[in-house]
Protein backbone atom coordinates (compact mmCIF):
# COMPACT_ATOMS: atom_id res chain seq x y z
CA MET A 1 65.06 138.16 110.69
CA MET A 2 66.83 135.31 112.04
CA SER A 3 70.25 134.49 110.49
CA SER A 4 71.01 130.97 109.37
CA LEU A 5 72.74 128.80 112.03
CA VAL A 6 76.03 127.57 110.93
CA LEU A 7 77.42 124.39 113.11
CA PRO A 8 81.07 124.29 114.23
CA PRO A 9 82.64 121.28 112.51
CA ALA A 10 82.86 119.63 115.81
CA LEU A 11 79.04 119.42 115.82
CA VAL A 12 78.61 117.76 112.64
CA PRO A 13 79.75 114.26 112.64
CA ALA A 14 81.15 112.50 109.83
CA SER A 15 79.84 109.07 108.56
CA ARG A 16 81.63 105.97 109.63
CA ARG A 17 82.09 105.10 105.89
CA SER A 18 84.33 108.28 105.61
CA GLU A 19 86.50 107.35 108.49
CA VAL A 20 89.21 106.08 105.78
CA ALA A 21 93.13 106.05 106.54
CA PRO A 22 94.90 109.13 105.47
CA PHE A 23 96.69 108.62 101.92
CA ILE A 24 100.44 109.32 103.95
CA VAL A 25 101.97 110.26 100.74
CA MET A 26 100.14 113.47 100.56
CA ASP A 27 100.99 114.27 103.99
CA VAL A 28 104.70 113.97 103.11
CA MET A 29 104.32 116.51 99.98
CA GLU A 30 102.27 118.89 102.57
CA HIS A 31 105.55 118.33 104.83
CA ALA A 32 107.88 119.25 101.80
CA ALA A 33 105.98 122.17 100.45
CA ARG A 34 106.34 123.77 103.91
CA LEU A 35 110.17 123.21 103.73
CA GLU A 36 110.00 124.42 100.34
CA ALA A 37 108.26 127.57 101.52
CA GLU A 38 111.20 128.25 103.91
CA GLY A 39 113.86 128.28 101.08
CA ALA A 40 114.71 124.57 101.09
CA LYS A 41 115.64 122.67 98.18
CA VAL A 42 113.77 119.24 98.49
CA ILE A 43 114.26 116.32 95.75
CA HIS A 44 110.85 114.84 95.71
CA MET A 45 110.78 111.10 95.51
CA GLU A 46 107.68 110.58 97.62
CA VAL A 47 104.83 110.99 94.89
CA GLY A 48 104.47 109.26 91.74
CA GLN A 49 104.20 111.93 89.61
CA PRO A 50 106.28 112.27 86.15
CA ALA A 51 108.28 115.60 86.26
CA ALA A 52 107.86 115.51 82.44
CA PRO A 53 104.88 117.39 80.91
CA ALA A 54 102.20 115.98 78.64
CA PRO A 55 103.33 115.15 75.26
CA ARG A 56 103.52 118.52 72.78
CA THR A 57 100.65 116.57 70.58
CA ALA A 58 98.27 116.61 73.96
CA ARG A 59 99.07 120.24 75.19
CA LYS A 60 98.65 121.65 71.50
CA ALA A 61 95.25 119.90 70.67
CA ALA A 62 94.04 120.99 74.16
CA ALA A 63 94.79 124.47 73.53
CA ALA A 64 93.41 124.30 70.01
CA ALA A 65 90.03 123.24 71.42
CA LEU A 66 90.13 125.81 74.02
CA GLU A 67 90.40 128.52 71.46
CA ARG A 68 87.55 127.06 69.44
CA GLY A 69 85.75 127.01 72.96
CA GLN A 70 85.16 122.92 72.70
CA VAL A 71 84.24 122.55 76.48
CA GLY A 72 80.86 121.32 76.84
CA TYR A 73 79.62 117.87 78.23
CA THR A 74 80.74 114.83 76.14
CA ALA A 75 78.83 111.48 76.10
CA ALA A 76 79.26 109.83 79.70
CA LEU A 77 81.29 106.90 78.11
CA GLY A 78 83.49 109.63 76.47
CA ILE A 79 84.39 111.13 73.13
CA PRO A 80 83.76 107.97 70.70
CA SER A 81 86.99 109.10 68.78
CA LEU A 82 88.99 108.92 72.15
CA ARG A 83 87.28 105.32 72.60
CA ALA A 84 88.18 104.04 69.22
CA ARG A 85 91.71 105.16 69.85
CA ILE A 86 92.18 103.57 72.96
CA ALA A 87 91.10 100.36 71.23
CA LYS A 88 93.64 100.60 68.72
CA HIS A 89 96.15 101.02 71.31
CA TYR A 90 95.49 97.55 72.22
CA LYS A 91 96.21 96.22 68.75
CA GLU A 92 99.47 98.16 68.35
CA GLN A 93 100.75 97.29 71.86
CA HIS A 94 99.36 93.92 72.56
CA GLY A 95 98.34 92.52 69.30
CA PHE A 96 94.48 92.34 70.73
CA ASP A 97 91.45 93.10 68.62
CA LEU A 98 89.12 95.45 71.14
CA ASP A 99 85.42 96.34 70.64
CA PRO A 100 85.53 100.29 71.21
CA GLU A 101 82.28 99.56 72.98
CA ARG A 102 83.85 98.12 75.81
CA VAL A 103 85.83 101.21 76.52
CA VAL A 104 85.01 103.67 79.13
CA VAL A 105 86.79 106.98 79.39
CA THR A 106 86.92 107.82 83.17
CA ASN A 107 87.96 110.80 85.57
CA GLY A 108 91.52 109.07 85.90
CA SER A 109 92.12 105.86 87.28
CA SER A 110 90.55 106.92 90.64
CA GLY A 111 87.19 107.18 89.00
CA GLY A 112 87.46 104.12 87.08
CA PHE A 113 88.07 102.16 90.80
CA ILE A 114 85.07 103.68 92.11
CA LEU A 115 83.12 102.74 88.84
CA ALA A 116 84.46 99.16 88.87
CA PHE A 117 83.87 98.46 92.79
CA LEU A 118 80.48 99.89 92.40
CA ALA A 119 79.43 97.82 89.30
CA LEU A 120 81.07 94.55 90.40
CA PHE A 121 80.49 94.52 94.33
CA GLU A 122 77.91 94.76 97.17
CA ALA A 123 78.38 96.16 100.40
CA GLY A 124 79.89 93.51 102.80
CA ASP A 125 81.86 92.05 99.77
CA ARG A 126 85.34 90.75 100.23
CA VAL A 127 87.94 91.71 98.14
CA ALA A 128 91.53 90.35 97.86
CA ILE A 129 94.53 92.76 97.54
CA ALA A 130 98.29 92.33 97.65
CA ALA A 131 100.24 93.57 100.54
CA PRO A 132 102.25 95.66 99.79
CA GLY A 133 99.88 97.59 97.53
CA TYR A 134 98.53 100.92 96.70
CA PRO A 135 96.51 102.28 99.55
CA PRO A 136 93.08 103.89 98.00
CA TYR A 137 92.24 100.38 96.88
CA ARG A 138 91.53 99.67 100.44
CA HIS A 139 90.25 102.87 101.56
CA VAL A 140 87.98 103.25 98.66
CA LEU A 141 86.41 99.86 99.13
CA SER A 142 86.10 100.21 102.72
CA ALA A 143 84.44 103.72 102.08
CA LEU A 144 82.00 101.84 99.53
CA GLY A 145 81.23 99.49 102.47
CA CYS A 146 83.41 96.47 101.22
CA GLU A 147 85.88 94.45 103.12
CA PRO A 148 89.48 94.70 101.69
CA VAL A 149 91.33 91.37 102.18
CA LEU A 150 95.13 92.05 102.36
CA ILE A 151 97.24 88.99 101.29
CA GLU A 152 101.16 89.20 102.41
CA THR A 153 103.18 88.42 99.16
CA LYS A 154 106.75 86.80 99.11
CA ALA A 155 109.92 87.62 97.49
CA GLU A 156 109.98 84.32 95.66
CA ASP A 157 106.63 85.33 93.79
CA ARG A 158 107.75 88.99 93.04
CA PHE A 159 105.25 90.08 95.70
CA ALA A 160 102.28 89.48 93.49
CA LEU A 161 99.26 87.37 94.40
CA THR A 162 99.44 83.53 93.68
CA PRO A 163 96.78 81.03 93.04
CA GLU A 164 97.71 79.14 96.18
CA THR A 165 97.57 82.40 98.30
CA LEU A 166 94.21 83.34 96.85
CA ARG A 167 92.75 79.80 97.10
CA ALA A 168 93.92 79.85 100.95
CA ALA A 169 92.44 83.30 101.39
CA HIS A 170 89.23 81.86 100.02
CA ALA A 171 88.73 78.79 102.06
CA GLU A 172 89.29 80.70 105.28
CA LYS A 173 86.47 83.21 104.36
CA PRO A 174 84.74 83.40 101.02
CA LEU A 175 86.01 86.20 98.80
CA LYS A 176 83.88 87.88 96.00
CA GLY A 177 86.53 89.42 93.71
CA VAL A 178 90.55 90.05 93.47
CA LEU A 179 92.38 93.15 92.43
CA VAL A 180 95.94 92.92 90.60
CA ALA A 181 98.41 95.62 89.77
CA SER A 182 101.45 95.03 87.38
CA PRO A 183 103.42 96.84 87.44
CA ALA A 184 102.62 97.31 91.10
CA ASN A 185 102.80 100.36 93.28
CA PRO A 186 105.06 100.62 95.37
CA THR A 187 107.11 97.59 94.59
CA GLY A 188 107.61 98.28 90.84
CA THR A 189 107.41 94.22 90.33
CA MET A 190 105.62 92.69 87.42
CA MET A 191 103.50 89.50 86.62
CA ASP A 192 104.52 87.73 83.60
CA ARG A 193 102.06 85.96 81.11
CA THR A 194 102.11 82.71 82.89
CA ALA A 195 101.70 84.16 86.59
CA LEU A 196 98.88 86.44 85.20
CA THR A 197 97.03 83.78 83.44
CA ALA A 198 97.17 81.04 86.47
CA LEU A 199 96.07 83.76 89.01
CA TYR A 200 93.01 84.64 86.78
CA ALA A 201 92.27 80.97 86.01
CA ALA A 202 92.07 80.34 90.02
CA ALA A 203 89.93 83.46 90.51
CA LYS A 204 87.65 81.96 87.61
CA GLU A 205 87.40 78.66 89.47
CA LEU A 206 86.65 80.44 92.55
CA GLY A 207 83.96 82.60 90.99
CA LEU A 208 85.58 85.78 91.60
CA ARG A 209 85.38 88.94 89.73
CA PHE A 210 88.88 89.89 88.42
CA VAL A 211 90.12 93.83 88.47
CA SER A 212 93.63 94.48 86.80
CA ASP A 213 95.09 98.04 87.59
CA GLU A 214 97.44 98.63 84.56
CA ILE A 215 98.25 102.51 84.79
CA TYR A 216 101.86 101.76 84.65
CA HIS A 217 101.71 100.06 81.14
CA GLY A 218 104.41 101.23 78.83
CA LEU A 219 106.82 101.87 81.77
CA ASP A 220 108.09 98.06 81.71
CA TYR A 221 111.77 97.41 81.62
CA ALA A 222 112.33 93.62 82.74
CA PHE A 223 109.91 92.14 80.33
CA PRO A 224 106.86 93.42 78.29
CA ALA A 225 103.75 93.97 80.73
CA VAL A 226 100.84 91.83 79.60
CA THR A 227 97.25 93.01 79.67
CA ALA A 228 94.34 91.22 81.39
CA ALA A 229 92.13 92.23 78.76
CA GLU A 230 93.92 89.58 76.40
CA VAL A 231 93.95 86.79 78.90
CA ALA A 232 90.89 87.30 80.98
CA PRO A 233 87.69 88.52 78.74
CA ASP A 234 85.63 89.14 81.73
CA ALA A 235 87.95 91.08 83.93
CA VAL A 236 87.60 94.75 84.45
CA VAL A 237 91.11 96.84 83.46
CA ILE A 238 91.72 99.90 84.53
CA ASN A 239 94.54 102.43 83.29
CA SER A 240 95.40 105.90 82.74
CA PHE A 241 97.05 108.57 80.84
CA SER A 242 98.78 110.02 84.24
CA LYS A 243 102.07 107.63 84.13
CA TYR A 244 103.25 106.65 80.98
CA PHE A 245 101.67 109.90 79.18
CA CYS A 246 102.61 112.26 82.13
CA MET A 247 99.27 113.87 82.40
CA THR A 248 98.63 113.23 86.13
CA GLY A 249 96.60 116.67 86.56
CA TRP A 250 94.43 116.18 83.57
CA ARG A 251 92.53 113.41 85.48
CA VAL A 252 91.66 111.13 82.59
CA GLY A 253 91.86 107.67 82.04
CA TRP A 254 89.83 104.45 80.79
CA MET A 255 88.51 101.12 81.78
CA VAL A 256 88.04 97.79 79.53
CA VAL A 257 85.17 96.24 80.56
CA PRO A 258 83.47 92.89 79.83
CA GLU A 259 81.00 92.77 76.93
CA GLY A 260 77.52 93.78 78.29
CA MET A 261 78.75 96.09 81.08
CA SER A 262 79.50 99.36 79.35
CA ARG A 263 75.62 100.35 80.01
CA THR A 264 76.19 99.50 83.69
CA MET A 265 79.23 102.04 83.60
CA GLU A 266 77.09 104.60 81.40
CA ARG A 267 74.88 104.88 84.17
CA LEU A 268 77.11 105.08 87.18
CA GLN A 269 79.11 107.79 85.17
CA GLN A 270 76.11 109.90 84.17
CA ASN A 271 75.13 110.30 87.72
CA PHE A 272 78.41 110.57 89.44
CA SER A 273 79.94 113.12 87.33
CA ILE A 274 78.24 113.53 83.91
CA SER A 275 81.20 112.97 81.93
CA VAL A 276 85.20 113.51 81.69
CA PRO A 277 86.26 117.02 81.22
CA THR A 278 86.24 117.46 77.23
CA LEU A 279 89.62 119.24 76.90
CA SER A 280 91.29 116.27 78.89
CA GLN A 281 89.69 113.94 76.42
CA ILE A 282 90.71 115.85 73.32
CA ALA A 283 94.24 115.81 74.65
CA ALA A 284 94.45 112.16 75.65
CA GLU A 285 93.53 111.48 72.08
CA ALA A 286 96.21 113.36 70.81
CA ALA A 287 98.73 111.95 73.26
CA PHE A 288 99.02 108.63 71.36
CA ASP A 289 100.66 110.80 68.72
CA GLY A 290 103.61 111.71 71.22
CA ARG A 291 104.66 108.30 72.06
CA GLU A 292 108.26 109.07 70.82
CA GLU A 293 108.19 111.81 73.21
CA MET A 294 107.12 109.78 76.10
CA ASP A 295 109.33 106.82 75.12
CA ALA A 296 112.27 109.29 75.58
CA VAL A 297 110.95 110.16 79.00
CA LYS A 298 110.67 106.54 79.65
CA HIS A 299 114.41 105.81 78.97
CA GLY A 300 115.15 108.75 81.44
CA TYR A 301 113.39 106.47 84.27
CA GLU A 302 115.64 103.46 82.97
CA GLU A 303 118.58 105.84 83.70
CA ASN A 304 117.18 106.86 86.97
CA ARG A 305 116.55 103.23 87.96
CA ARG A 306 120.13 102.34 86.99
CA ILE A 307 121.57 105.38 89.43
CA LEU A 308 119.64 104.16 92.08
CA THR A 309 120.06 100.31 91.91
CA GLU A 310 123.56 101.20 91.72
CA GLY A 311 123.93 103.81 94.11
CA LEU A 312 121.85 102.92 96.95
CA PRO A 313 124.00 99.79 97.63
CA LYS A 314 127.12 101.69 98.09
CA ILE A 315 125.63 103.87 100.72
CA GLY A 316 123.76 101.00 102.78
CA LEU A 317 120.57 100.27 101.35
CA GLU A 318 121.63 96.88 99.69
CA HIS A 319 118.19 95.23 99.80
CA PHE A 320 115.28 96.55 97.64
CA LEU A 321 112.38 94.76 95.56
CA PRO A 322 112.94 94.01 91.77
CA ALA A 323 112.44 97.04 89.99
CA ASP A 324 110.47 95.52 86.92
CA GLY A 325 108.69 98.58 85.89
CA ALA A 326 106.82 101.75 87.08
CA PHE A 327 109.15 104.35 88.70
CA TYR A 328 109.54 102.97 92.11
CA LEU A 329 112.20 101.25 94.13
CA TYR A 330 110.85 99.85 97.43
CA ALA A 331 114.02 99.59 99.68
CA ASP A 332 114.58 97.72 103.04
CA VAL A 333 115.73 100.21 105.91
CA SER A 334 115.26 97.79 108.79
CA ARG A 335 119.06 98.23 109.43
CA PHE A 336 118.58 101.92 110.21
CA THR A 337 115.03 102.08 111.98
CA GLY A 338 111.84 99.74 112.83
CA ASP A 339 109.86 103.06 112.33
CA SER A 340 109.77 104.16 108.40
CA HIS A 341 107.42 106.79 108.97
CA ALA A 342 109.51 108.53 111.68
CA PHE A 343 112.58 107.53 109.52
CA ALA A 344 111.26 109.18 106.46
CA THR A 345 110.24 112.49 108.30
CA ARG A 346 113.98 112.42 109.71
CA LEU A 347 115.04 112.13 106.14
CA LEU A 348 112.91 115.05 104.66
CA ASP A 349 114.01 117.37 107.87
CA ALA A 350 117.53 116.55 107.63
CA ALA A 351 118.49 115.62 103.99
CA HIS A 352 115.60 117.47 102.23
CA VAL A 353 114.72 114.06 100.59
CA ALA A 354 111.13 113.14 100.25
CA ALA A 355 110.18 109.58 100.47
CA THR A 356 107.06 107.80 101.52
CA PRO A 357 107.23 105.08 104.48
CA GLY A 358 106.04 101.77 103.69
CA VAL A 359 103.32 101.83 106.12
CA ASP A 360 101.25 103.79 103.58
CA PHE A 361 101.28 100.55 101.60
CA ASP A 362 101.62 97.68 104.10
CA PRO A 363 100.20 97.50 107.45
CA PHE A 364 102.29 94.10 107.98
CA ARG A 365 105.94 95.05 107.24
CA GLY A 366 105.52 98.37 105.99
CA LYS A 367 107.71 99.86 109.25
CA GLN A 368 110.83 98.25 107.55
CA PHE A 369 110.39 99.74 103.92
CA LEU A 370 110.41 103.29 102.11
CA ARG A 371 109.06 103.82 98.78
CA PHE A 372 111.27 106.12 96.46
CA SER A 373 109.94 107.66 93.21
CA TYR A 374 112.39 107.89 90.47
CA ALA A 375 110.21 109.92 88.21
CA GLY A 376 112.59 113.14 88.24
CA SER A 377 115.49 114.00 86.75
CA ALA A 378 119.04 111.88 86.59
CA GLU A 379 120.66 115.04 88.16
CA ASP A 380 118.08 114.89 91.11
CA MET A 381 118.76 111.08 91.58
CA ARG A 382 122.40 111.50 91.98
CA ALA A 383 121.97 114.27 94.41
CA ALA A 384 119.37 111.98 96.29
CA VAL A 385 122.21 109.32 96.60
CA ALA A 386 124.42 111.61 97.96
CA ARG A 387 122.22 113.12 100.33
CA ILE A 388 120.91 109.84 101.71
CA GLY A 389 124.21 108.28 102.15
CA HIS A 390 125.21 111.48 104.12
CA PHE A 391 122.11 111.32 106.20
CA LEU A 392 122.81 107.57 106.87
CA SER A 393 126.31 107.89 107.77
CA LYS A 394 124.84 109.91 110.71
CA GLU A 395 122.03 107.31 111.80
């Protein structure tokens, strides 16, 4: 009897579309985990993951549902009561009436981006993205056969795309869409209502599809975040329970889609994942009742932000982008290095502080920056400033 032949990995070539760049922050996490396995106490400032748990209301609802055995499939667009609760959230937070039929529950924001890109763009379409920006935007677009178009941003524009930069990129070679993020990763900067409305108007004028990443909504400090769902009725808005609600591992998010597009998203989700995990959806609906607890966590981020913005300049890191929202500080380290990747490795090995090199977010100027996440404890932030300061004194 012949045994089945198993080819070595090297003899099974991967597709060209799978040849995306790594998400470097995950490599930093693995490096930190190895050091911890050796006994090191690492301060994690590399990954955008809240240290706090999901709201008690969410955990209790999931535990009760698990006890009852409610773990079957749900409708592809999500549990109707969760979709309705998300729509209500827009009325509560933005004074905006949203039809629950426009809400699509997704497998985290990551699942939302895949559905959105598939629904909006054809292979070969060019989509504008700000640089610096979240790496998987361009990696997922590339894997789907689209072309991400990185547009360098400026300090005077709060490192956001503008109508002028969008028109210039479109004039150079036509675009099919634009993706914006506010608050943004890695910069923490935000677009106010005037800036967001103006950018949408330019995109509309150029005939571009508009995608808005709003997963850090709720974590705004400089001024209230504005949703594109209010100013751009034909935009696709992507959000998540991961950040404000501290539910990263639950993998549940949502989209607000234009009228008439829900069925498109439903067909895609039916085939790609059938539905979002039931327990996560039940927990997500209950999470809205835990906002008081989550606001307390947000106040902790504000204190961490203060510790870093006051402490880092005292140790030599005077230049960083305005930390308007989210829980990131994007610091210029060019005084100490021209290679942020190597610098981050030395910082982790020597000081046991994990940070993400800017090259993960920006191929143009990323070698000059590090991203620090301040989603941990105030104690860790103070210790990090001390460790980084000691490290820099020897650089």
